[in-house]
Structure formats: C-alpha cells, structure tokens
Amino acid sequence: MIYVVISLLSIICFLSIPMISDIIEESLFLDFPVSQLRPDVIAVPAGGYKIGFSLDQDVMGTETILRVLTAIKLWKKYPDAMMVMSGGGVDKIRKSKRQTDLMMEFAYNYGVPKDKLIADKLSLNTLEHPQRILELPSIDKHTKILLVTSGWHMRRALFSFNQYFDEVCPSPISVSGVNNSIFAIQRFIPHPGALSKSTTMLHEWIGLLWYKIK
C-alpha cells in the first residue's frame, strides 16, 4: 500500500512541475497554414465562466475571453459572417445558459451587431457544438466555418467540426501560458497551477482519443 501512495505522490509531483505541464500543453498544438477562407460562420466554443455572488457579478473565464476577443477581431475582418457562441448547458446554480449569454453580451459591447450574433445554448460538449450549429437556420454542411478556440483545444474541436462541415478553417488563439524561459529555476519547482494545467491537458488528450474511438 505504501508503494502505491508513494507512486501516486511521485506522479502528482511530476505533473506539478511547470516545465512538464508546458510540454504536455505544447504536445496538443498543431501548425495550421494561413487560410484565405472567407467564412459564413465564426464558431466560438465556450471555455468556462466564473459564478459571482449575483448575476451581474458573473464573469467569463480567461480562455473564453481570449476566444471571444479573437473572434471579434476576425469578425471585423469578415463583417458579413455570423458569430455563433456555443456551449454551456443548464448551470446547476444559475439554472440558465449563462455562459453563452455572457459571450453574446461581451461581443455586442465590443461592436458586433445583435443580428450577427447567435447563441447555441443546447450543446453540452465539443462533440455536440457542430451538431447544434448544423441545426441552425440557413446552415448546412457546405457552410464555411472559421473555428476559434484555444490552441490546446483545437485538435479535438477541429476533429468534431470536420465530421459535419466540408470547410473548416482553424484559428487558434495565442498560446495561453507556455513559459519559454528554459533555464528559469521556477520551471522546475512543483506548483499547484502547473498541476491544474497538466490535468486539463491530459483530459484534452483523453477526450480526443475518446472522440476518435466513438
């Protein structure tokens, strides 16, 4: 029993090293060629939000903010495109699709007209995002999709969207937190933030493998 405990603690300690978490994150990245695709839809999967003490205090998480900001920048380049905010499901506390509401409000406040914004409040995960978007009016498999999500999440998101749409152009946001200061001593000291990131990245790899098996 003691060997099992020691082994588990060793694994946790290993995954808590920032350099290791960065390596796992980088393993998910892909190099995408620059595309000249003029999209019909800019798809933005949600990346989480934080619940406040009241409705007005709810805020989007960092990943969601970066995704929406990237999408807004792209929309200004392609103003004829629709922007679809996907994900959420019913929150157990708010009892509503709060995440997509926050994304819609954010984009509107940054200049995207309401008639260019669509909320997909039904999809519960990455696999369902393209399915629900395909059900929206005037959208079919030939609709040109510009997919905006985190770089580490793009593999799984792109795999899902390619199952339903003929033309999907990936547009990942900037690297979220990889520290390239290889010789910085802090990168070799275990930290709870690194463990959290390692867990997220391993979950992403497991999710991708599961999607491919399904």
Protein backbone atom coordinates (compact mmCIF):
# COMPACT_ATOMS: atom_id res chain seq x y z
CA MET A 1 0.00 0.00 0.00
CA ILE A 2 2.80 2.38 0.88
CA TYR A 3 4.34 1.86 -2.56
CA VAL A 4 1.07 2.82 -4.22
CA VAL A 5 0.87 6.02 -2.18
CA ILE A 6 4.48 6.90 -2.96
CA SER A 7 3.91 6.22 -6.67
CA LEU A 8 0.81 8.43 -6.77
CA LEU A 9 2.58 11.24 -4.93
CA SER A 10 5.50 10.96 -7.33
CA ILE A 11 3.18 11.25 -10.34
CA ILE A 12 1.41 14.26 -8.80
CA CYS A 13 4.74 15.90 -8.05
CA PHE A 14 5.96 15.23 -11.59
CA LEU A 15 2.81 16.72 -13.16
CA SER A 16 3.13 19.75 -10.86
CA ILE A 17 6.40 20.81 -12.45
CA PRO A 18 5.72 23.83 -14.74
CA MET A 19 8.14 22.61 -17.40
CA ILE A 20 6.27 19.30 -17.62
CA SER A 21 2.85 20.97 -17.84
CA ASP A 22 4.19 23.22 -20.63
CA ILE A 23 5.48 20.19 -22.55
CA ILE A 24 2.10 18.45 -22.27
CA GLU A 25 0.34 21.61 -23.45
CA GLU A 26 2.70 22.07 -26.40
CA SER A 27 2.09 18.46 -27.46
CA LEU A 28 -1.51 19.42 -28.28
CA PHE A 29 -0.60 22.29 -30.59
CA LEU A 30 -0.71 21.98 -34.37
CA ASP A 31 0.77 24.21 -37.06
CA PHE A 32 -2.04 25.48 -39.28
CA PRO A 33 -1.41 27.06 -42.69
CA VAL A 34 -2.76 30.55 -43.23
CA SER A 35 -6.13 30.24 -44.96
CA GLN A 36 -7.86 32.74 -47.21
CA LEU A 37 -11.26 31.21 -46.46
CA ARG A 38 -13.99 33.82 -46.28
CA PRO A 39 -16.24 32.37 -43.58
CA ASP A 40 -20.00 32.28 -43.39
CA VAL A 41 -19.85 31.50 -39.67
CA ILE A 42 -17.30 32.20 -36.96
CA ALA A 43 -17.78 29.44 -34.37
CA VAL A 44 -16.66 30.13 -30.81
CA PRO A 45 -16.85 27.24 -28.31
CA ALA A 46 -17.13 28.38 -24.69
CA GLY A 47 -14.19 27.94 -22.35
CA GLY A 48 -15.78 28.32 -18.94
CA TYR A 49 -17.02 31.13 -16.70
CA LYS A 50 -16.94 32.06 -13.02
CA ILE A 51 -20.12 32.43 -10.98
CA GLY A 52 -20.35 35.56 -8.85
CA PHE A 53 -22.47 36.35 -5.79
CA SER A 54 -25.12 37.76 -8.12
CA LEU A 55 -25.97 37.55 -11.80
CA ASP A 56 -24.22 40.86 -12.51
CA GLN A 57 -21.01 39.55 -10.98
CA ASP A 58 -20.70 36.51 -13.25
CA VAL A 59 -17.63 36.77 -15.50
CA MET A 60 -16.19 34.74 -18.34
CA GLY A 61 -13.04 32.75 -17.68
CA THR A 62 -9.74 33.76 -19.26
CA GLU A 63 -9.94 31.16 -22.03
CA THR A 64 -13.44 32.26 -23.01
CA ILE A 65 -12.45 35.93 -23.04
CA LEU A 66 -9.46 35.23 -25.29
CA ARG A 67 -11.60 33.16 -27.67
CA VAL A 68 -14.30 35.83 -27.95
CA LEU A 69 -11.75 38.63 -28.40
CA THR A 70 -10.05 36.66 -31.18
CA ALA A 71 -13.43 36.04 -32.82
CA ILE A 72 -14.33 39.75 -32.62
CA LYS A 73 -11.06 40.67 -34.33
CA LEU A 74 -11.79 38.17 -37.10
CA TRP A 75 -15.38 39.35 -37.46
CA LYS A 76 -14.15 42.89 -38.09
CA LYS A 77 -12.18 41.42 -40.99
CA TYR A 78 -15.23 39.45 -42.20
CA PRO A 79 -18.25 41.54 -41.10
CA ASP A 80 -20.69 39.57 -43.26
CA ALA A 81 -20.09 36.43 -41.19
CA MET A 82 -22.37 35.30 -38.38
CA MET A 83 -20.79 34.65 -35.00
CA VAL A 84 -22.07 31.60 -33.12
CA MET A 85 -21.34 31.24 -29.40
CA SER A 86 -21.55 27.59 -28.42
CA GLY A 87 -21.82 25.67 -25.22
CA GLY A 88 -22.91 25.67 -21.68
CA GLY A 89 -25.95 23.63 -20.90
CA VAL A 90 -28.01 24.47 -17.83
CA ASP A 91 -25.87 25.63 -14.93
CA LYS A 92 -26.80 23.96 -11.62
CA ILE A 93 -26.65 27.25 -9.73
CA ARG A 94 -27.98 29.78 -12.24
CA LYS A 95 -30.44 27.33 -13.83
CA SER A 96 -29.84 29.06 -17.16
CA LYS A 97 -27.46 29.10 -20.13
CA ARG A 98 -25.39 31.85 -18.52
CA GLN A 99 -22.11 31.20 -20.34
CA THR A 100 -23.38 31.93 -23.85
CA ASP A 101 -25.27 34.97 -22.54
CA LEU A 102 -22.01 36.41 -21.23
CA MET A 103 -20.27 35.73 -24.54
CA MET A 104 -23.05 37.39 -26.51
CA GLU A 105 -23.05 40.45 -24.25
CA PHE A 106 -19.28 40.76 -24.49
CA ALA A 107 -19.22 40.61 -28.29
CA TYR A 108 -22.10 43.08 -28.55
CA ASN A 109 -20.34 45.54 -26.23
CA TYR A 110 -17.29 45.31 -28.48
CA GLY A 111 -19.21 46.27 -31.58
CA VAL A 112 -20.71 43.11 -33.06
CA PRO A 113 -24.37 43.81 -34.01
CA LYS A 114 -27.06 41.66 -32.41
CA ASP A 115 -28.24 40.47 -35.81
CA LYS A 116 -24.79 38.92 -36.35
CA LEU A 117 -24.81 37.00 -33.07
CA ILE A 118 -26.32 33.57 -32.49
CA ALA A 119 -26.29 31.62 -29.22
CA ASP A 120 -26.08 27.83 -29.33
CA LYS A 121 -27.33 27.09 -25.83
CA LEU A 122 -28.03 23.41 -26.36
CA SER A 123 -24.64 21.81 -26.97
CA LEU A 124 -23.06 20.35 -23.84
CA ASN A 125 -19.60 19.50 -25.12
CA THR A 126 -17.18 19.84 -28.05
CA LEU A 127 -18.68 16.88 -29.87
CA GLU A 128 -22.13 18.50 -29.84
CA HIS A 129 -21.08 22.02 -30.90
CA PRO A 130 -21.01 21.33 -34.68
CA GLN A 131 -24.14 19.19 -34.47
CA ARG A 132 -26.16 22.02 -32.93
CA ILE A 133 -24.72 24.64 -35.29
CA LEU A 134 -25.73 22.47 -38.23
CA GLU A 135 -29.32 22.58 -36.94
CA LEU A 136 -29.45 26.39 -37.11
CA PRO A 137 -31.45 28.04 -39.93
CA SER A 138 -29.66 28.57 -43.28
CA ILE A 139 -26.68 26.46 -42.22
CA ASP A 140 -25.70 23.22 -43.93
CA LYS A 141 -22.59 21.10 -44.36
CA HIS A 142 -21.32 23.42 -47.10
CA THR A 143 -21.31 26.43 -44.75
CA LYS A 144 -17.77 27.79 -44.40
CA ILE A 145 -16.73 27.70 -40.75
CA LEU A 146 -13.96 29.71 -39.10
CA LEU A 147 -13.27 27.89 -35.82
CA VAL A 148 -11.90 29.92 -32.91
CA THR A 149 -10.70 28.16 -29.77
CA SER A 150 -7.63 27.69 -27.61
CA GLY A 151 -4.59 26.18 -29.32
CA TRP A 152 -4.53 23.19 -26.99
CA HIS A 153 -8.23 22.55 -27.65
CA MET A 154 -8.07 22.92 -31.43
CA ARG A 155 -7.25 19.28 -32.24
CA ARG A 156 -10.44 18.00 -30.63
CA ALA A 157 -12.62 20.87 -31.82
CA LEU A 158 -11.37 20.58 -35.40
CA PHE A 159 -11.89 16.82 -35.38
CA SER A 160 -15.51 17.33 -34.27
CA PHE A 161 -16.33 20.08 -36.79
CA ASN A 162 -14.76 18.18 -39.69
CA GLN A 163 -17.32 15.42 -39.13
CA TYR A 164 -20.15 17.79 -40.08
CA PHE A 165 -18.78 20.55 -42.31
CA ASP A 166 -16.86 20.42 -45.59
CA GLU A 167 -14.80 23.56 -44.98
CA VAL A 168 -13.47 24.34 -41.52
CA CYS A 169 -10.62 26.80 -41.03
CA PRO A 170 -8.90 26.68 -37.62
CA SER A 171 -7.99 29.98 -35.99
CA PRO A 172 -6.49 29.23 -32.57
CA ILE A 173 -5.90 31.94 -30.01
CA SER A 174 -2.39 32.73 -28.79
CA VAL A 175 -0.58 30.27 -26.54
CA SER A 176 -2.19 30.54 -23.14
CA GLY A 177 0.68 30.13 -20.76
CA VAL A 178 3.78 28.38 -22.02
CA ASN A 179 6.89 29.89 -20.46
CA ASN A 180 9.88 29.63 -22.76
CA SER A 181 12.45 30.67 -20.14
CA ILE A 182 14.01 27.21 -20.18
CA PHE A 183 16.63 27.97 -17.56
CA ALA A 184 14.31 29.69 -15.09
CA ILE A 185 14.54 27.73 -11.84
CA GLN A 186 10.82 28.26 -11.18
CA ARG A 187 10.02 25.97 -14.09
CA PHE A 188 11.42 23.02 -12.15
CA ILE A 189 9.68 23.70 -8.84
CA PRO A 190 6.29 21.96 -8.36
CA HIS A 191 3.36 24.38 -8.32
CA PRO A 192 -0.42 23.76 -7.95
CA GLY A 193 -1.14 25.87 -11.05
CA ALA A 194 1.05 23.57 -13.13
CA LEU A 195 -0.77 20.52 -11.78
CA SER A 196 -4.09 22.09 -12.75
CA LYS A 197 -2.85 22.75 -16.28
CA SER A 198 -1.36 19.26 -16.63
CA THR A 199 -4.70 17.78 -15.57
CA THR A 200 -6.55 19.89 -18.15
CA MET A 201 -4.16 18.93 -20.95
CA LEU A 202 -4.28 15.22 -20.10
CA HIS A 203 -8.07 15.45 -20.03
CA GLU A 204 -7.88 17.00 -23.51
CA TRP A 205 -5.78 14.12 -24.87
CA ILE A 206 -8.15 11.58 -23.32
CA GLY A 207 -11.14 13.42 -24.80
CA LEU A 208 -9.56 13.44 -28.25
CA LEU A 209 -8.81 9.71 -28.12
CA TRP A 210 -12.34 9.01 -26.90
CA TYR A 211 -13.88 11.02 -29.73
CA LYS A 212 -11.84 9.10 -32.30
CA ILE A 213 -12.83 5.76 -30.76
CA LYS A 214 -16.52 6.76 -30.84
